[in-house]
Protein backbone atom coordinates (compact mmCIF):
# COMPACT_ATOMS: atom_id res chain seq x y z
CA MET A 1 56.00 156.12 166.48
CA ALA A 2 59.19 156.14 164.52
CA LYS A 3 59.52 157.63 160.83
CA ARG A 4 60.47 155.44 158.30
CA THR A 5 63.34 156.28 155.90
CA ARG A 6 62.55 156.53 152.14
CA LEU A 7 65.00 154.67 150.13
CA PRO A 8 66.41 156.28 146.62
CA PRO A 9 64.67 155.16 143.60
CA PRO A 10 66.75 152.29 141.86
CA VAL A 11 69.37 153.10 139.07
CA THR A 12 68.57 151.59 135.78
CA LEU A 13 69.59 151.51 132.45
CA SER A 14 67.57 154.34 130.79
CA SER A 15 68.15 156.56 133.84
CA LEU A 16 71.92 156.84 132.98
CA GLY A 17 71.17 158.11 129.60
CA PRO A 18 72.47 156.96 126.12
CA ARG A 19 74.88 154.61 126.30
CA ARG A 20 78.20 156.16 124.47
CA ARG A 21 80.89 153.52 122.25
CA LEU A 22 84.04 153.74 123.50
CA PRO A 23 86.79 154.63 120.68
CA SER A 24 89.40 152.00 120.09
CA ARG A 25 92.72 152.50 120.00
CA PRO A 26 94.90 152.33 116.59
CA CYS A 27 97.56 150.09 118.38
CA LEU A 28 94.58 147.34 118.56
CA GLN A 29 93.19 147.71 115.37
CA PRO A 30 94.78 144.85 113.64
CA LEU A 31 94.23 142.45 116.51
CA LEU A 32 90.70 143.59 116.97
CA ALA A 33 90.26 142.53 112.89
CA THR A 34 89.02 139.49 111.95
CA SER A 35 90.13 137.22 108.98
CA SER A 36 85.84 137.44 107.64
CA GLN A 37 86.59 141.62 107.27
CA LEU A 38 89.77 141.14 105.92
CA PRO A 39 90.09 140.28 101.99
CA PRO A 40 90.58 136.79 101.09
CA SER A 41 93.93 137.47 99.54
CA GLN A 42 94.94 139.01 103.37
CA GLN A 43 93.55 136.48 105.66
CA SER A 44 96.34 133.89 105.23
CA GLN A 45 98.60 136.51 105.64
CA HIS A 46 96.74 137.52 108.81
CA HIS A 47 97.02 133.88 110.56
CA ARG A 48 100.37 133.50 109.79
CA GLN A 49 101.54 137.41 111.13
CA HIS A 50 99.20 136.09 114.62
CA ARG A 51 100.24 132.46 114.64
CA CYS A 52 101.62 132.94 118.22
CA PHE A 53 98.24 133.62 119.52
CA SER A 54 96.70 130.79 117.80
CA CYS A 55 96.06 127.30 119.56
CA THR A 56 95.41 125.27 116.25
CA SER A 57 97.79 122.13 114.98
CA ALA A 58 101.04 122.79 113.77
CA ALA A 59 100.25 120.46 110.75
CA SER A 60 97.56 122.84 109.29
CA SER A 61 99.99 126.13 109.43
CA PRO A 62 103.22 124.94 108.96
CA SER A 63 106.48 127.35 109.67
CA LYS A 64 109.87 127.03 110.80
CA TYR A 65 109.00 126.65 114.45
CA TYR A 66 106.77 123.55 113.59
CA PRO A 67 107.90 121.88 110.60
CA PRO A 68 105.30 119.98 108.37
CA ARG A 69 104.78 115.96 110.12
CA VAL A 70 105.59 113.72 107.12
CA PRO A 71 103.84 110.13 107.78
CA PRO A 72 106.51 107.30 107.84
CA GLN A 73 106.60 106.14 104.32
CA PRO A 74 106.08 101.71 104.71
CA VAL A 75 108.97 99.61 103.55
CA TYR A 76 107.95 97.11 101.03
CA SER A 77 109.39 93.98 100.53
CA ARG A 78 112.02 93.20 97.25
CA SER A 79 110.64 89.50 96.89
CA PRO A 80 108.92 88.40 93.52
CA PRO A 81 104.84 87.41 94.14
CA ALA A 82 105.69 84.18 93.58
CA ILE A 83 108.25 82.08 95.41
CA SER A 84 108.84 78.64 94.82
CA TYR A 85 111.33 75.83 94.92
CA LEU A 86 111.91 72.81 92.75
CA PRO A 87 113.69 69.56 94.26
CA PRO A 88 117.57 68.98 92.34
CA PRO A 89 118.49 66.08 90.31
CA SER A 90 119.75 63.58 91.48
CA ASN A 91 123.39 63.64 89.66
CA ASP A 92 123.39 67.05 91.24
CA PRO A 93 126.62 67.06 93.10
CA ALA A 94 125.82 70.69 95.39
CA GLN A 95 122.16 69.28 96.29
CA ARG A 96 120.29 72.45 96.50
CA ALA A 97 116.73 73.48 95.79
CA VAL A 98 116.57 75.19 92.80
CA PRO A 99 114.11 78.21 92.08
CA SER A 100 111.39 76.98 89.83
CA PRO A 101 110.31 79.76 86.75
CA ALA A 102 107.18 81.82 87.98
CA PRO A 103 104.01 81.29 86.32
CA HIS A 104 102.94 84.02 83.85
CA GLU A 105 101.76 87.30 84.66
CA ILE A 106 98.05 87.03 83.36
CA SER A 107 97.57 83.57 85.45
CA LEU A 108 98.71 85.10 88.10
CA ARG A 109 96.25 87.57 87.97
CA GLU A 110 93.28 85.59 87.15
CA ALA A 111 94.40 83.54 90.24
CA SER A 112 94.20 86.92 92.09
CA SER A 113 90.65 88.18 90.98
CA VAL A 114 89.80 85.28 92.14
CA PHE A 115 90.01 85.91 95.93
CA THR A 116 90.00 89.39 95.45
CA GLN A 117 87.61 90.10 92.95
CA GLN A 118 85.18 90.27 95.89
CA ALA A 119 85.00 90.37 100.12
CA PRO A 120 85.40 86.74 101.06
CA HIS A 121 82.43 85.34 103.08
CA PHE A 122 82.53 83.26 105.69
CA LEU A 123 80.60 80.16 105.37
CA TYR A 124 80.03 77.97 108.25
CA SER A 125 81.97 76.47 110.93
CA ALA A 126 81.54 73.12 111.84
CA SER A 127 82.81 70.84 114.83
CA LYS A 128 81.97 67.76 113.45
CA PHE A 129 81.65 66.27 109.70
CA LEU A 130 78.11 65.37 110.34
CA GLN A 131 77.41 69.12 110.19
CA VAL A 132 79.17 70.12 107.41
CA PRO A 133 76.81 71.23 104.36
CA PRO A 134 76.26 69.26 101.19
CA ASN A 135 78.54 70.58 98.17
CA THR A 136 78.31 69.00 95.24
CA HIS A 137 79.42 71.96 92.66
CA THR A 138 81.75 73.70 94.27
CA PRO A 139 85.52 72.58 94.78
CA GLU A 140 87.20 73.09 98.32
CA ILE A 141 91.05 73.37 99.08
CA CYS A 142 91.59 72.58 103.05
CA LEU A 143 94.65 74.11 105.05
CA LEU A 144 96.51 71.56 107.10
CA GLY A 145 99.10 72.70 109.57
CA ARG A 146 100.46 72.53 113.25
CA SER A 147 98.84 74.80 115.68
CA ASN A 148 99.86 78.50 115.67
CA VAL A 149 101.39 77.84 111.82
CA GLY A 150 99.66 80.83 110.49
CA LYS A 151 96.79 78.83 108.78
CA SER A 152 93.83 81.63 109.28
CA THR A 153 96.98 84.59 108.54
CA LEU A 154 97.03 82.68 105.03
CA ILE A 155 93.42 82.91 104.56
CA ASN A 156 93.30 86.46 105.20
CA ALA A 157 96.33 87.25 103.13
CA LEU A 158 94.61 85.10 100.35
CA ALA A 159 91.56 87.64 100.86
CA GLY A 160 93.93 90.58 100.39
CA VAL A 161 94.62 91.76 103.73
CA GLY A 162 98.46 92.65 103.73
CA GLY A 163 100.75 93.26 106.22
CA GLN A 164 100.34 92.79 110.24
CA ALA A 165 96.84 93.05 109.43
CA ALA A 166 96.41 89.61 108.73
CA SER A 167 97.57 87.82 111.56
CA ARG A 168 95.48 90.38 113.86
CA ALA A 169 91.82 89.93 112.68
CA HIS A 170 90.32 89.25 115.79
CA GLY A 171 86.36 89.11 117.20
CA LEU A 172 83.07 89.73 115.67
CA LYS A 173 83.84 92.26 113.59
CA ALA A 174 86.45 90.65 111.79
CA ARG A 175 83.95 87.64 111.46
CA ALA A 176 81.66 89.73 109.78
CA SER A 177 84.33 91.19 107.19
CA GLY A 178 84.39 87.36 106.38
CA LEU A 179 87.84 87.07 108.02
CA ALA A 180 89.15 84.12 109.66
CA ILE A 181 89.93 84.76 113.72
CA THR A 182 93.65 84.84 114.44
CA SER A 183 95.10 84.45 117.86
CA LYS A 184 98.33 83.74 119.73
CA ILE A 185 97.05 80.96 121.57
CA SER A 186 97.37 77.98 120.45
CA GLY A 187 94.47 75.80 119.28
CA SER A 188 92.15 78.47 119.17
CA THR A 189 90.78 76.98 116.10
CA LYS A 190 88.08 74.12 117.15
CA SER A 191 86.08 74.00 114.46
CA MET A 192 86.10 73.41 110.68
CA ASN A 193 85.60 76.82 109.59
CA ALA A 194 84.85 77.53 105.29
CA TYR A 195 85.03 80.82 103.31
CA GLY A 196 83.60 81.48 100.28
CA PHE A 197 85.54 83.51 97.52
CA GLY A 198 85.18 84.44 94.25
CA VAL A 199 82.31 85.27 91.96
CA PRO A 200 80.54 81.74 90.05
CA THR A 201 81.22 81.45 86.81
CA LYS A 202 78.07 80.46 84.02
CA ALA A 203 79.26 77.02 83.50
CA GLN A 204 79.68 76.55 86.80
CA ARG A 205 75.75 77.48 87.53
CA GLN A 206 75.12 75.50 84.04
CA ALA A 207 76.82 72.18 85.23
CA ALA A 208 75.07 72.72 89.21
CA LEU A 209 71.82 72.95 87.49
CA GLU A 210 72.59 69.81 84.83
CA ARG A 211 73.61 68.02 87.87
CA ALA A 212 70.53 68.77 90.30
CA ALA A 213 68.36 67.39 87.19
CA ALA A 214 70.19 64.52 86.58
CA LEU A 215 69.54 63.63 90.50
CA LYS A 216 65.99 64.69 90.31
CA ARG A 217 65.68 62.22 87.53
CA GLU A 218 67.74 59.42 89.69
CA ARG A 219 65.32 59.93 92.46
CA GLU A 220 62.21 60.01 90.75
CA LEU A 221 62.97 56.47 89.31
CA GLU A 222 63.98 55.28 92.60
CA ARG A 223 60.65 56.23 93.64
CA ARG A 224 58.71 54.67 90.90
CA LEU A 225 60.50 51.75 91.74
CA THR A 226 59.88 51.71 95.08
CA ALA A 227 56.50 52.67 95.15
CA GLY A 228 55.17 52.17 98.64
CA GLY A 229 58.10 50.67 99.86
CA SER A 230 60.44 51.64 102.38
CA GLY A 231 61.62 55.12 102.90
CA SER A 232 61.58 59.00 104.21
CA ARG A 233 58.84 61.28 102.46
CA LYS A 234 62.03 63.79 102.11
CA GLU A 235 63.50 60.55 100.16
CA ARG A 236 60.41 60.10 97.91
CA ARG A 237 59.81 63.26 97.13
CA GLY A 238 63.35 64.01 95.78
CA VAL A 239 64.13 67.18 97.06
CA VAL A 240 67.56 68.47 96.89
CA HIS A 241 68.53 70.49 99.71
CA GLU A 242 71.55 72.18 98.25
CA PRO A 243 71.54 76.06 97.02
CA PRO A 244 72.92 77.25 93.61
CA PRO A 245 76.60 77.86 93.85
CA GLN A 246 77.49 81.33 94.94
CA PHE A 247 81.11 81.24 95.02
CA ARG A 248 83.74 80.14 92.82
CA LEU A 249 85.94 78.26 95.55
CA VAL A 250 85.58 77.21 99.12
CA VAL A 251 88.68 77.19 101.33
CA VAL A 252 88.16 75.27 104.39
CA ASP A 253 90.83 75.98 107.90
CA MET A 254 91.11 73.28 109.56
CA PRO A 255 91.62 72.42 113.51
CA GLY A 256 95.52 72.62 113.97
CA TYR A 257 97.48 69.43 115.47
CA GLY A 258 99.72 69.49 118.06
CA LEU A 259 99.64 71.88 121.12
CA GLY A 260 96.45 72.42 122.49
CA SER A 261 94.70 70.11 119.99
CA GLN A 262 92.36 67.30 120.93
CA GLN A 263 92.21 63.65 119.85
CA TRP A 264 88.94 63.61 118.01
CA TRP A 265 89.82 66.64 115.96
CA GLY A 266 91.93 64.13 114.24
CA LEU A 267 88.83 61.55 113.51
CA GLU A 268 86.46 64.43 112.23
CA ILE A 269 89.23 65.33 109.56
CA GLU A 270 90.13 61.95 108.63
CA LYS A 271 86.30 61.87 107.66
CA TYR A 272 86.42 65.04 105.97
CA LEU A 273 89.46 63.90 104.00
CA ARG A 274 87.77 60.20 103.06
CA ARG A 275 84.04 61.23 102.32
CA ARG A 276 84.36 64.90 100.60
CA ARG A 277 83.69 64.32 96.98
CA MET A 278 84.16 67.82 96.05
CA LEU A 279 87.89 68.24 97.77
CA LYS A 280 90.07 68.86 95.15
CA GLY A 281 93.26 69.08 97.36
CA ALA A 282 95.00 69.95 100.66
CA VAL A 283 97.74 72.54 101.35
CA LEU A 284 99.88 71.81 104.17
CA LEU A 285 101.75 74.44 105.74
CA ILE A 286 105.43 74.20 107.79
CA ASP A 287 106.79 76.39 109.94
CA ALA A 288 110.16 78.11 107.83
CA VAL A 289 111.35 78.84 111.36
CA ALA A 290 110.82 75.52 112.74
CA GLY A 291 110.66 73.30 109.98
CA VAL A 292 109.66 69.42 109.75
CA LYS A 293 108.23 67.79 112.71
CA ASP A 294 107.04 63.96 113.66
CA ALA A 295 103.23 65.24 113.55
CA ASP A 296 103.85 66.91 109.84
CA ARG A 297 105.18 63.61 108.89
CA ARG A 298 101.76 61.48 110.29
CA VAL A 299 99.74 64.33 108.64
CA MET A 300 101.67 63.21 105.08
CA GLU A 301 100.92 59.33 106.04
CA LEU A 302 96.90 60.60 106.64
CA LEU A 303 97.29 62.18 103.62
CA ARG A 304 98.31 59.59 101.33
CA ASP A 305 95.76 56.82 102.94
CA CYS A 306 92.88 58.71 102.27
CA GLY A 307 94.17 59.68 98.46
CA VAL A 308 94.52 63.55 98.54
CA ARG A 309 96.55 65.41 96.38
CA THR A 310 98.71 68.01 98.32
CA ALA A 311 100.98 70.75 97.87
CA VAL A 312 103.56 72.55 100.58
CA VAL A 313 103.48 75.74 101.98
CA LEU A 314 106.26 77.09 104.20
CA THR A 315 104.94 80.34 106.58
CA LYS A 316 106.77 82.95 108.29
CA ALA A 317 109.50 83.38 106.31
CA ASP A 318 110.13 86.98 107.30
CA LYS A 319 110.98 85.48 110.85
CA LEU A 320 114.05 84.41 109.45
CA ARG A 321 115.45 87.73 108.67
CA LYS A 322 115.03 88.62 112.11
CA THR A 323 118.45 87.96 113.24
CA GLU A 324 121.00 90.02 115.05
CA GLY A 325 124.35 90.98 114.51
CA LEU A 326 124.68 90.49 110.34
CA GLU A 327 124.71 92.68 108.01
CA ALA A 328 121.96 92.97 105.23
CA ASP A 329 123.59 90.56 102.78
CA GLU A 330 124.24 88.09 105.45
CA VAL A 331 120.81 88.11 106.77
CA GLU A 332 119.39 87.15 103.24
CA MET A 333 121.98 84.30 102.63
CA HIS A 334 120.82 83.44 106.25
CA ALA A 335 117.64 83.04 105.31
CA GLU A 336 117.93 81.33 101.77
CA ALA A 337 119.92 79.07 103.16
CA ARG A 338 117.55 78.35 106.21
CA VAL A 339 114.42 77.87 103.31
CA GLU A 340 116.47 75.75 101.00
CA GLY A 341 117.22 73.43 103.86
CA VAL A 342 113.67 72.87 105.24
CA CYS A 343 112.75 72.11 101.33
CA LEU A 344 115.34 69.36 101.27
CA ASP A 345 113.88 67.90 104.31
CA VAL A 346 110.34 68.00 103.31
CA TRP A 347 111.02 66.27 100.10
CA ASP A 348 113.30 63.74 101.93
CA GLU A 349 109.90 63.44 103.90
CA LEU A 350 107.58 63.03 100.76
CA ARG A 351 109.69 60.89 99.36
CA SER A 352 109.94 58.46 102.56
CA VAL A 353 106.19 58.52 102.86
CA GLU A 354 105.25 57.93 99.29
CA ARG A 355 107.23 54.22 99.92
CA GLY A 356 104.20 52.89 101.11
CA SER A 357 101.05 53.36 98.28
CA LEU A 358 101.55 52.54 94.58
CA THR A 359 99.46 55.82 93.73
CA TRP A 360 100.16 58.45 95.70
CA LEU A 361 103.25 59.66 93.34
CA GLU A 362 105.16 62.59 93.01
CA GLY A 363 103.60 64.58 90.26
CA ALA A 364 100.59 62.07 90.27
CA PRO A 365 96.95 63.56 90.19
CA LYS A 366 95.99 62.11 93.52
CA GLY A 367 99.53 62.54 94.50
CA TRP A 368 102.00 65.27 96.01
CA ASP A 369 103.47 68.09 93.88
CA LYS A 370 107.55 68.78 93.90
CA GLU A 371 107.08 72.32 94.02
CA ILE A 372 107.44 74.17 97.05
CA TRP A 373 105.69 77.81 97.72
CA VAL A 374 107.11 79.90 100.08
CA THR A 375 105.06 82.76 101.96
CA SER A 376 105.92 85.35 104.09
CA ALA A 377 102.58 87.81 105.31
CA GLY A 378 104.52 90.36 107.32
CA ASP A 379 106.90 91.20 104.21
CA VAL A 380 104.06 93.85 101.96
CA ASP A 381 105.04 94.59 98.39
CA VAL A 382 103.87 97.15 96.54
CA LYS A 383 100.61 96.03 95.73
CA GLY A 384 99.75 95.43 99.43
CA ASP A 385 100.31 91.37 99.24
CA GLY A 386 102.63 89.67 101.80
CA ALA A 387 105.83 87.90 99.72
CA GLY A 388 105.08 84.87 97.88
CA VAL A 389 101.29 85.30 98.61
CA VAL A 390 100.24 85.38 95.08
CA GLY A 391 102.59 82.42 94.43
CA ALA A 392 100.16 80.95 97.16
CA ARG A 393 96.87 81.89 95.44
CA TRP A 394 97.97 80.47 91.95
CA ALA A 395 98.96 77.52 93.70
CA VAL A 396 95.80 77.07 95.08
CA CYS A 397 93.93 77.49 91.88
CA ARG A 398 95.92 75.36 90.15
CA MET A 399 95.04 72.92 92.75
CA ALA A 400 91.35 73.47 92.11
CA GLY A 401 91.34 73.37 88.70
CA LEU A 402 90.73 77.34 87.96
CA VAL A 403 93.75 77.69 86.53
CA GLU A 404 96.15 76.08 84.09
CA ASP A 405 100.18 75.43 84.22
CA ASN A 406 102.03 75.66 81.23
CA ARG A 407 105.16 75.91 82.47
CA VAL A 408 108.36 73.52 81.51
CA LEU A 409 109.99 72.29 85.09
CA LYS A 410 113.00 71.37 84.44
CA PRO A 411 115.49 71.70 87.20
CA VAL A 412 118.77 72.77 86.53
CA MET A 413 122.25 71.38 88.01
CA THR A 414 123.63 74.02 90.30
CA PRO A 415 127.12 74.86 88.69
CA LEU A 416 130.51 74.31 90.65
CA THR A 417 132.41 77.24 91.96
CA ALA A 418 135.51 75.42 89.99
CA PRO A 419 135.61 72.91 87.33
CA PRO A 420 136.97 69.50 88.25
CA LYS A 421 140.27 68.64 87.06
CA ILE A 422 140.46 65.62 84.63
CA VAL A 423 143.50 63.40 84.80
CA ARG A 424 144.41 60.24 83.16
CA PHE A 425 143.65 56.60 84.76
CA GLU A 426 147.30 56.24 84.35
CA ASP A 427 148.01 59.20 86.27
CA LEU A 428 146.09 58.07 89.42
CA GLN A 429 147.71 54.83 89.40
CA LEU A 430 151.28 55.85 89.11
CA GLY A 431 150.56 58.86 91.15
CA THR A 432 152.49 62.32 89.83
CA ALA A 433 155.11 59.62 87.61
CA PRO A 434 154.82 60.50 84.01
CA ALA A 435 153.16 57.94 82.34
CA THR A 436 154.19 56.45 78.74
CA THR A 437 152.53 56.95 75.45
CA PRO A 438 150.84 54.30 73.42
CA LYS A 439 154.20 54.62 70.97
CA GLU A 440 156.33 54.29 73.99
CA GLN A 441 154.48 50.95 74.72
CA ASP A 442 154.49 49.34 71.13
CA GLU A 443 157.79 49.91 71.05
CA GLU A 444 158.64 47.98 74.06
């Protein structure tokens, strides 16, 4: 029988004896020291000395090898907050659009507070006029225009969203924020979308309560006169299903006409324009690049037949500056000339449409405004608003009756470059030959 070999006992830490600490080398002492072991005055020097061993970003520890990153400065627009033009006088030989005086700064600030005092609120989306909820106390303004003219972008710009963000509001996130959903595809807005702005005033709430009480008294009188007669239970009870005013102004975004539109949209829009009681006016948006089209003229005729006050706003004026091969001064002159040309075309179309009505006149309460406003949501000023957006806010509030216009609009004739030379009638008939004086004629 073979003998078993005994294995040696296992080696343990206790068998090795007490643990010895190896002495550290003097040259490694700076590297082994941490920032927490150094005094506060030497911690920054320690990090700066061993920057090459660090993997942090260069922005936190700038040096000559890693210069600090400077964020790009935004380019602000130098355009005034309100840009508008008036038609030239009929006896003006130049026939150029005249810049109108800007409203008072206090009035502009008051109009901007209506849109920016609180966040906008999405109210409803109705594809038919029957689905529009009743409104008897809050003024409404509707926006009309061709497909992809910038109606939703202008609503976002009015709400205080500046720059390219006004045209990039997509999805449910924008809807939850109360903004209008934008898209580059024509015909994306397929229903009437309403947005509420501002806080209702005390006078507005009081007027709503008085109107509701008067309506309740009228229905109570009708119930007594027709006691036991025909009528639904809702009518006999006289219940008014309308909440108190929650906003100071309601802006309705209409579906666009033209490319991607449908025929029944126009029928519902016409019903809204004719039957909406609190509709104070319509804003017609026209593309400053494309100009006036035949569809715009038909909408002007519709507004004339419905007797709706109309104001015109030019959009996308910033795209006129995207001209290659021209200097900065030439680009500005080209953009200004294009805007003035579009304004002249708009006035010609409005005056042509005006001939078919006796009430839809220039400057009338149920007519059209001669002042044309220019907007550019892409050009952002120092306050974050697009160029001309503040003026568009004021124009909407003036149409709704929220601000007053105390300006005196008197267009001035454009001065000529050189005064005309005055000659006598005799010189015109006889050419260059000197004419005889009155004394010589008497002698003859």
